Amino acid sequence: MDDFRVFYDESEDILYLTKEGQEAEIEELSPGVNAELDMEGNLIGVEIFHASSLLKDVIKLIENKLQTA
């Protein structure tokens, strides 16, 4: 995962994890979460739609950890 970059589109509320490669296929992992694969089936991206809702518990946990640090 070292070569993945993270982008957040606030206006669309989509979190992207991506790396170099040409997308050939998209697999829906669960509603609102897609995996992007290259021609060899390697993971080159993850899209999380409605990210603020789906990750709200994770965000709260991170905020709490930061406040106690």
PDB file of N, CA and C in Angstrom:
ATOM      1  N   MET A   1       0.826  -1.201   0.000  1.00  0.00           N
ATOM      2  CA  MET A   1       0.000   0.000   0.000  1.00  0.00           C
ATOM      3  C   MET A   1       0.871   1.266   0.000  1.00  0.00           C
ATOM      4  N   ASP A   2       2.184   1.121   0.022  1.00  0.00           N
ATOM      5  CA  ASP A   2       3.062   2.285   0.065  1.00  0.00           C
ATOM      6  C   ASP A   2       2.916   3.191  -1.146  1.00  0.00           C
ATOM      7  N   ASP A   3       2.597   2.628  -2.304  1.00  0.00           N
ATOM      8  CA  ASP A   3       2.529   3.430  -3.514  1.00  0.00           C
ATOM      9  C   ASP A   3       1.130   3.971  -3.810  1.00  0.00           C
ATOM     10  N   PHE A   4       0.199   3.813  -2.881  1.00  0.00           N
ATOM     11  CA  PHE A   4      -1.149   4.358  -3.059  1.00  0.00           C
ATOM     12  C   PHE A   4      -1.188   5.799  -2.561  1.00  0.00           C
ATOM     13  N   ARG A   5      -1.965   6.615  -3.250  1.00  0.00           N
ATOM     14  CA  ARG A   5      -2.210   7.994  -2.835  1.00  0.00           C
ATOM     15  C   ARG A   5      -3.669   8.107  -2.419  1.00  0.00           C
ATOM     16  N   VAL A   6      -3.941   9.037  -1.542  1.00  0.00           N
ATOM     17  CA  VAL A   6      -5.298   9.228  -1.040  1.00  0.00           C
ATOM     18  C   VAL A   6      -5.785  10.608  -1.470  1.00  0.00           C
ATOM     19  N   PHE A   7      -6.986  10.649  -2.028  1.00  0.00           N
ATOM     20  CA  PHE A   7      -7.626  11.891  -2.435  1.00  0.00           C
ATOM     21  C   PHE A   7      -9.051  11.882  -1.900  1.00  0.00           C
ATOM     22  N   TYR A   8      -9.517  13.057  -1.510  1.00  0.00           N
ATOM     23  CA  TYR A   8     -10.899  13.179  -1.050  1.00  0.00           C
ATOM     24  C   TYR A   8     -11.571  14.294  -1.838  1.00  0.00           C
ATOM     25  N   ASP A   9     -12.690  13.985  -2.468  1.00  0.00           N
ATOM     26  CA  ASP A   9     -13.494  14.958  -3.189  1.00  0.00           C
ATOM     27  C   ASP A   9     -14.635  15.363  -2.257  1.00  0.00           C
ATOM     28  N   GLU A  10     -14.467  16.503  -1.601  1.00  0.00           N
ATOM     29  CA  GLU A  10     -15.442  16.939  -0.601  1.00  0.00           C
ATOM     30  C   GLU A  10     -16.804  17.225  -1.215  1.00  0.00           C
ATOM     31  N   SER A  11     -16.830  17.793  -2.407  1.00  0.00           N
ATOM     32  CA  SER A  11     -18.113  18.144  -3.013  1.00  0.00           C
ATOM     33  C   SER A  11     -18.928  16.908  -3.381  1.00  0.00           C
ATOM     34  N   GLU A  12     -18.252  15.809  -3.722  1.00  0.00           N
ATOM     35  CA  GLU A  12     -18.932  14.553  -4.061  1.00  0.00           C
ATOM     36  C   GLU A  12     -18.923  13.553  -2.906  1.00  0.00           C
ATOM     37  N   ASP A  13     -18.150  13.846  -1.861  1.00  0.00           N
ATOM     38  CA  ASP A  13     -17.986  12.966  -0.689  1.00  0.00           C
ATOM     39  C   ASP A  13     -17.492  11.568  -1.096  1.00  0.00           C
ATOM     40  N   ILE A  14     -16.410  11.584  -1.917  1.00  0.00           N
ATOM     41  CA  ILE A  14     -15.805  10.335  -2.379  1.00  0.00           C
ATOM     42  C   ILE A  14     -14.342  10.314  -1.951  1.00  0.00           C
ATOM     43  N   LEU A  15     -13.948   9.222  -1.319  1.00  0.00           N
ATOM     44  CA  LEU A  15     -12.562   9.008  -0.932  1.00  0.00           C
ATOM     45  C   LEU A  15     -11.941   8.056  -1.947  1.00  0.00           C
ATOM     46  N   TYR A  16     -10.804   8.461  -2.510  1.00  0.00           N
ATOM     47  CA  TYR A  16     -10.107   7.651  -3.499  1.00  0.00           C
ATOM     48  C   TYR A  16      -8.762   7.200  -2.936  1.00  0.00           C
ATOM     49  N   LEU A  17      -8.458   5.941  -3.093  1.00  0.00           N
ATOM     50  CA  LEU A  17      -7.125   5.417  -2.858  1.00  0.00           C
ATOM     51  C   LEU A  17      -6.677   4.886  -4.210  1.00  0.00           C
ATOM     52  N   THR A  18      -5.583   5.403  -4.727  1.00  0.00           N
ATOM     53  CA  THR A  18      -5.217   5.077  -6.100  1.00  0.00           C
ATOM     54  C   THR A  18      -3.713   4.997  -6.277  1.00  0.00           C
ATOM     55  N   LYS A  19      -3.294   4.245  -7.285  1.00  0.00           N
ATOM     56  CA  LYS A  19      -1.891   4.200  -7.684  1.00  0.00           C
ATOM     57  C   LYS A  19      -1.841   4.126  -9.203  1.00  0.00           C
ATOM     58  N   GLU A  20      -0.633   4.220  -9.746  1.00  0.00           N
ATOM     59  CA  GLU A  20      -0.443   4.201 -11.198  1.00  0.00           C
ATOM     60  C   GLU A  20      -1.005   2.916 -11.801  1.00  0.00           C
ATOM     61  N   GLY A  21      -1.603   3.060 -12.962  1.00  0.00           N
ATOM     62  CA  GLY A  21      -2.122   1.910 -13.674  1.00  0.00           C
ATOM     63  C   GLY A  21      -3.328   2.280 -14.503  1.00  0.00           C
ATOM     64  N   GLN A  22      -3.626   1.444 -15.449  1.00  0.00           N
ATOM     65  CA  GLN A  22      -4.774   1.657 -16.330  1.00  0.00           C
ATOM     66  C   GLN A  22      -5.935   0.787 -15.865  1.00  0.00           C
ATOM     67  N   GLU A  23      -7.025   1.419 -15.509  1.00  0.00           N
ATOM     68  CA  GLU A  23      -8.207   0.691 -15.042  1.00  0.00           C
ATOM     69  C   GLU A  23      -8.812  -0.136 -16.169  1.00  0.00           C
ATOM     70  N   ALA A  24      -9.039  -1.423 -15.890  1.00  0.00           N
ATOM     71  CA  ALA A  24      -9.660  -2.309 -16.872  1.00  0.00           C
ATOM     72  C   ALA A  24     -10.997  -2.839 -16.380  1.00  0.00           C
ATOM     73  N   GLU A  25     -11.172  -2.854 -15.059  1.00  0.00           N
ATOM     74  CA  GLU A  25     -12.377  -3.459 -14.492  1.00  0.00           C
ATOM     75  C   GLU A  25     -12.682  -2.824 -13.144  1.00  0.00           C
ATOM     76  N   ILE A  26     -13.964  -2.756 -12.820  1.00  0.00           N
ATOM     77  CA  ILE A  26     -14.401  -2.288 -11.507  1.00  0.00           C
ATOM     78  C   ILE A  26     -15.237  -3.389 -10.874  1.00  0.00           C
ATOM     79  N   GLU A  27     -14.913  -3.704  -9.629  1.00  0.00           N
ATOM     80  CA  GLU A  27     -15.667  -4.688  -8.858  1.00  0.00           C
ATOM     81  C   GLU A  27     -16.308  -3.977  -7.676  1.00  0.00           C
ATOM     82  N   GLU A  28     -17.603  -4.157  -7.497  1.00  0.00           N
ATOM     83  CA  GLU A  28     -18.270  -3.599  -6.325  1.00  0.00           C
ATOM     84  C   GLU A  28     -18.016  -4.533  -5.145  1.00  0.00           C
ATOM     85  N   LEU A  29     -17.332  -4.018  -4.120  1.00  0.00           N
ATOM     86  CA  LEU A  29     -17.039  -4.809  -2.931  1.00  0.00           C
ATOM     87  C   LEU A  29     -18.213  -4.832  -1.974  1.00  0.00           C
ATOM     88  N   SER A  30     -18.875  -3.709  -1.868  1.00  0.00           N
ATOM     89  CA  SER A  30     -20.104  -3.563  -1.097  1.00  0.00           C
ATOM     90  C   SER A  30     -20.765  -2.289  -1.613  1.00  0.00           C
ATOM     91  N   PRO A  31     -22.014  -2.043  -1.259  1.00  0.00           N
ATOM     92  CA  PRO A  31     -22.657  -0.823  -1.758  1.00  0.00           C
ATOM     93  C   PRO A  31     -21.842   0.422  -1.397  1.00  0.00           C
ATOM     94  N   GLY A  32     -21.433   1.151  -2.405  1.00  0.00           N
ATOM     95  CA  GLY A  32     -20.669   2.377  -2.190  1.00  0.00           C
ATOM     96  C   GLY A  32     -19.172   2.193  -2.118  1.00  0.00           C
ATOM     97  N   VAL A  33     -18.674   0.968  -2.288  1.00  0.00           N
ATOM     98  CA  VAL A  33     -17.229   0.713  -2.239  1.00  0.00           C
ATOM     99  C   VAL A  33     -16.845  -0.122  -3.460  1.00  0.00           C
ATOM    100  N   ASN A  34     -15.999   0.470  -4.304  1.00  0.00           N
ATOM    101  CA  ASN A  34     -15.571  -0.194  -5.531  1.00  0.00           C
ATOM    102  C   ASN A  34     -14.068  -0.407  -5.546  1.00  0.00           C
ATOM    103  N   ALA A  35     -13.642  -1.523  -6.109  1.00  0.00           N
ATOM    104  CA  ALA A  35     -12.228  -1.799  -6.339  1.00  0.00           C
ATOM    105  C   ALA A  35     -11.964  -1.640  -7.827  1.00  0.00           C
ATOM    106  N   GLU A  36     -10.896  -0.944  -8.174  1.00  0.00           N
ATOM    107  CA  GLU A  36     -10.487  -0.781  -9.557  1.00  0.00           C
ATOM    108  C   GLU A  36      -9.305  -1.715  -9.819  1.00  0.00           C
ATOM    109  N   LEU A  37      -9.392  -2.489 -10.889  1.00  0.00           N
ATOM    110  CA  LEU A  37      -8.365  -3.478 -11.214  1.00  0.00           C
ATOM    111  C   LEU A  37      -7.759  -3.169 -12.580  1.00  0.00           C
ATOM    112  N   ASP A  38      -6.472  -3.533 -12.744  1.00  0.00           N
ATOM    113  CA  ASP A  38      -5.837  -3.385 -14.049  1.00  0.00           C
ATOM    114  C   ASP A  38      -6.059  -4.650 -14.876  1.00  0.00           C
ATOM    115  N   MET A  39      -5.449  -4.735 -16.038  1.00  0.00           N
ATOM    116  CA  MET A  39      -5.641  -5.867 -16.960  1.00  0.00           C
ATOM    117  C   MET A  39      -5.226  -7.202 -16.348  1.00  0.00           C
ATOM    118  N   GLU A  40      -4.265  -7.174 -15.414  1.00  0.00           N
ATOM    119  CA  GLU A  40      -3.794  -8.400 -14.771  1.00  0.00           C
ATOM    120  C   GLU A  40      -4.582  -8.744 -13.511  1.00  0.00           C
ATOM    121  N   GLY A  41      -5.558  -7.913 -13.169  1.00  0.00           N
ATOM    122  CA  GLY A  41      -6.360  -8.155 -11.981  1.00  0.00           C
ATOM    123  C   GLY A  41      -5.752  -7.589 -10.712  1.00  0.00           C
ATOM    124  N   ASN A  42      -4.716  -6.746 -10.853  1.00  0.00           N
ATOM    125  CA  ASN A  42      -4.088  -6.113  -9.695  1.00  0.00           C
ATOM    126  C   ASN A  42      -4.909  -4.912  -9.238  1.00  0.00           C
ATOM    127  N   LEU A  43      -4.982  -4.737  -7.939  1.00  0.00           N
ATOM    128  CA  LEU A  43      -5.697  -3.602  -7.366  1.00  0.00           C
ATOM    129  C   LEU A  43      -4.929  -2.317  -7.643  1.00  0.00           C
ATOM    130  N   ILE A  44      -5.603  -1.367  -8.293  1.00  0.00           N
ATOM    131  CA  ILE A  44      -4.980  -0.066  -8.543  1.00  0.00           C
ATOM    132  C   ILE A  44      -5.783   1.083  -7.943  1.00  0.00           C
ATOM    133  N   GLY A  45      -6.946   0.772  -7.370  1.00  0.00           N
ATOM    134  CA  GLY A  45      -7.728   1.839  -6.765  1.00  0.00           C
ATOM    135  C   GLY A  45      -8.915   1.342  -5.980  1.00  0.00           C
ATOM    136  N   VAL A  46      -9.332   2.184  -5.043  1.00  0.00           N
ATOM    137  CA  VAL A  46     -10.537   1.936  -4.261  1.00  0.00           C
ATOM    138  C   VAL A  46     -11.302   3.249  -4.211  1.00  0.00           C
ATOM    139  N   GLU A  47     -12.590   3.182  -4.471  1.00  0.00           N
ATOM    140  CA  GLU A  47     -13.469   4.342  -4.384  1.00  0.00           C
ATOM    141  C   GLU A  47     -14.462   4.088  -3.251  1.00  0.00           C
ATOM    142  N   ILE A  48     -14.587   5.061  -2.369  1.00  0.00           N
ATOM    143  CA  ILE A  48     -15.565   4.956  -1.289  1.00  0.00           C
ATOM    144  C   ILE A  48     -16.520   6.130  -1.420  1.00  0.00           C
ATOM    145  N   PHE A  49     -17.745   5.839  -1.862  1.00  0.00           N
ATOM    146  CA  PHE A  49     -18.771   6.854  -2.026  1.00  0.00           C
ATOM    147  C   PHE A  49     -19.448   7.107  -0.679  1.00  0.00           C
ATOM    148  N   HIS A  50     -19.920   8.328  -0.475  1.00  0.00           N
ATOM    149  CA  HIS A  50     -20.534   8.722   0.810  1.00  0.00           C
ATOM    150  C   HIS A  50     -19.553   8.426   1.948  1.00  0.00           C
ATOM    151  N   ALA A  51     -18.301   8.779   1.720  1.00  0.00           N
ATOM    152  CA  ALA A  51     -17.216   8.441   2.636  1.00  0.00           C
ATOM    153  C   ALA A  51     -17.447   8.968   4.053  1.00  0.00           C
ATOM    154  N   SER A  52     -17.943  10.172   4.188  1.00  0.00           N
ATOM    155  CA  SER A  52     -18.113  10.728   5.530  1.00  0.00           C
ATOM    156  C   SER A  52     -19.121   9.926   6.337  1.00  0.00           C
ATOM    157  N   SER A  53     -20.135   9.369   5.683  1.00  0.00           N
ATOM    158  CA  SER A  53     -21.115   8.536   6.381  1.00  0.00           C
ATOM    159  C   SER A  53     -20.559   7.147   6.673  1.00  0.00           C
ATOM    160  N   LEU A  54     -19.936   6.546   5.663  1.00  0.00           N
ATOM    161  CA  LEU A  54     -19.426   5.191   5.836  1.00  0.00           C
ATOM    162  C   LEU A  54     -18.279   5.113   6.837  1.00  0.00           C
ATOM    163  N   LEU A  55     -17.504   6.181   6.926  1.00  0.00           N
ATOM    164  CA  LEU A  55     -16.320   6.157   7.783  1.00  0.00           C
ATOM    165  C   LEU A  55     -16.479   6.978   9.057  1.00  0.00           C
ATOM    166  N   LYS A  56     -17.702   7.383   9.384  1.00  0.00           N
ATOM    167  CA  LYS A  56     -17.896   8.270  10.530  1.00  0.00           C
ATOM    168  C   LYS A  56     -17.393   7.659  11.838  1.00  0.00           C
ATOM    169  N   ASP A  57     -17.569   6.366  12.047  1.00  0.00           N
ATOM    170  CA  ASP A  57     -17.080   5.744  13.274  1.00  0.00           C
ATOM    171  C   ASP A  57     -15.557   5.721  13.316  1.00  0.00           C
ATOM    172  N   VAL A  58     -14.936   5.505  12.171  1.00  0.00           N
ATOM    173  CA  VAL A  58     -13.477   5.515  12.087  1.00  0.00           C
ATOM    174  C   VAL A  58     -12.953   6.925  12.346  1.00  0.00           C
ATOM    175  N   ILE A  59     -13.612   7.921  11.766  1.00  0.00           N
ATOM    176  CA  ILE A  59     -13.204   9.310  11.960  1.00  0.00           C
ATOM    177  C   ILE A  59     -13.312   9.701  13.421  1.00  0.00           C
ATOM    178  N   LYS A  60     -14.402   9.292  14.089  1.00  0.00           N
ATOM    179  CA  LYS A  60     -14.572   9.592  15.518  1.00  0.00           C
ATOM    180  C   LYS A  60     -13.456   8.949  16.342  1.00  0.00           C
ATOM    181  N   LEU A  61     -13.114   7.715  16.031  1.00  0.00           N
ATOM    182  CA  LEU A  61     -12.048   7.015  16.744  1.00  0.00           C
ATOM    183  C   LEU A  61     -10.717   7.744  16.577  1.00  0.00           C
ATOM    184  N   ILE A  62     -10.415   8.183  15.366  1.00  0.00           N
ATOM    185  CA  ILE A  62      -9.177   8.919  15.115  1.00  0.00           C
ATOM    186  C   ILE A  62      -9.168  10.246  15.860  1.00  0.00           C
ATOM    187  N   GLU A  63     -10.292  10.966  15.837  1.00  0.00           N
ATOM    188  CA  GLU A  63     -10.389  12.235  16.559  1.00  0.00           C
ATOM    189  C   GLU A  63     -10.162  12.022  18.047  1.00  0.00           C
ATOM    190  N   ASN A  64     -10.769  10.976  18.623  1.00  0.00           N
ATOM    191  CA  ASN A  64     -10.583  10.697  20.048  1.00  0.00           C
ATOM    192  C   ASN A  64      -9.130  10.373  20.367  1.00  0.00           C
ATOM    193  N   LYS A  65      -8.473   9.600  19.520  1.00  0.00           N
ATOM    194  CA  LYS A  65      -7.070   9.245  19.731  1.00  0.00           C
ATOM    195  C   LYS A  65      -6.192  10.493  19.671  1.00  0.00           C
ATOM    196  N   LEU A  66      -6.493  11.404  18.733  1.00  0.00           N
ATOM    197  CA  LEU A  66      -5.710  12.621  18.603  1.00  0.00           C
ATOM    198  C   LEU A  66      -5.897  13.541  19.800  1.00  0.00           C
ATOM    199  N   GLN A  67      -7.095  13.598  20.338  1.00  0.00           N
ATOM    200  CA  GLN A  67      -7.362  14.459  21.485  1.00  0.00           C
ATOM    201  C   GLN A  67      -6.667  13.965  22.740  1.00  0.00           C
ATOM    202  N   THR A  68      -6.483  12.660  22.872  1.00  0.00           N
ATOM    203  CA  THR A  68      -5.841  12.111  24.067  1.00  0.00           C
ATOM    204  C   THR A  68      -4.322  12.018  23.923  1.00  0.00           C
ATOM    205  N   ALA A  69      -3.816  12.292  22.732  1.00  0.00           N
ATOM    206  CA  ALA A  69      -2.358  12.182  22.507  1.00  0.00           C
ATOM    207  C   ALA A  69      -1.623  13.400  22.997  1.00  0.00           C
TER     208      ALA A  69
END
